[in-house]
Amino acid sequence: MLPVYKNIIKELRVIAARSHKVHEKSNLAKNKAMLEYKKIQLIKQNRSIAEVDAQLKNLQVDLKPSAKFEEAFKQLFAEFSAENPNPTRIQQQHFKNVSDFLYGQRTYQELIERYNSGLGMDQSETVEKSANRVGFTVPQ
């Protein structure tokens, strides 16, 4: 049972790290847009923009994911183990199925990202790449 548990934790770590990275990049873009908007508003009001510029320079992505999911899963697994010190073959197979499912989903996502790179692009990037493909350039 322990190897299956370790596989589940490993897959959850990878999934959490990837989703955290995506969310942090999205949050960074939102924060940058908000600060740019504040900067424009301050310029219109003829006020100092030094503070906003400093905040823009200090923006960065936090790539370290939280370990809350892992703690929650460990607690859930500990409760399950306490209730069932000798899990049945069906329960063991269920955990194995969960592990295999998580691995399969991660592999599927990697393949989609690798071979269908257009899914992760926003509209402007898609238009630019399409234009480049046929020999045009998009005006700035």
Foldseek 3Di string as FASTA:
>chain_A
DVVLVVLLLVLVVVVQLVVLQVVQVVVLVVVLVVLVVVQVVCVVVVHDSVVSVVVNVPRDGDSDGDCVVVVVVVVVVVVVCVVPVPDDPVVVVVSNVSSVVSVVVVVVVVVCCVPVVVVPDDPVVVVQVVQVVVPHGDDD
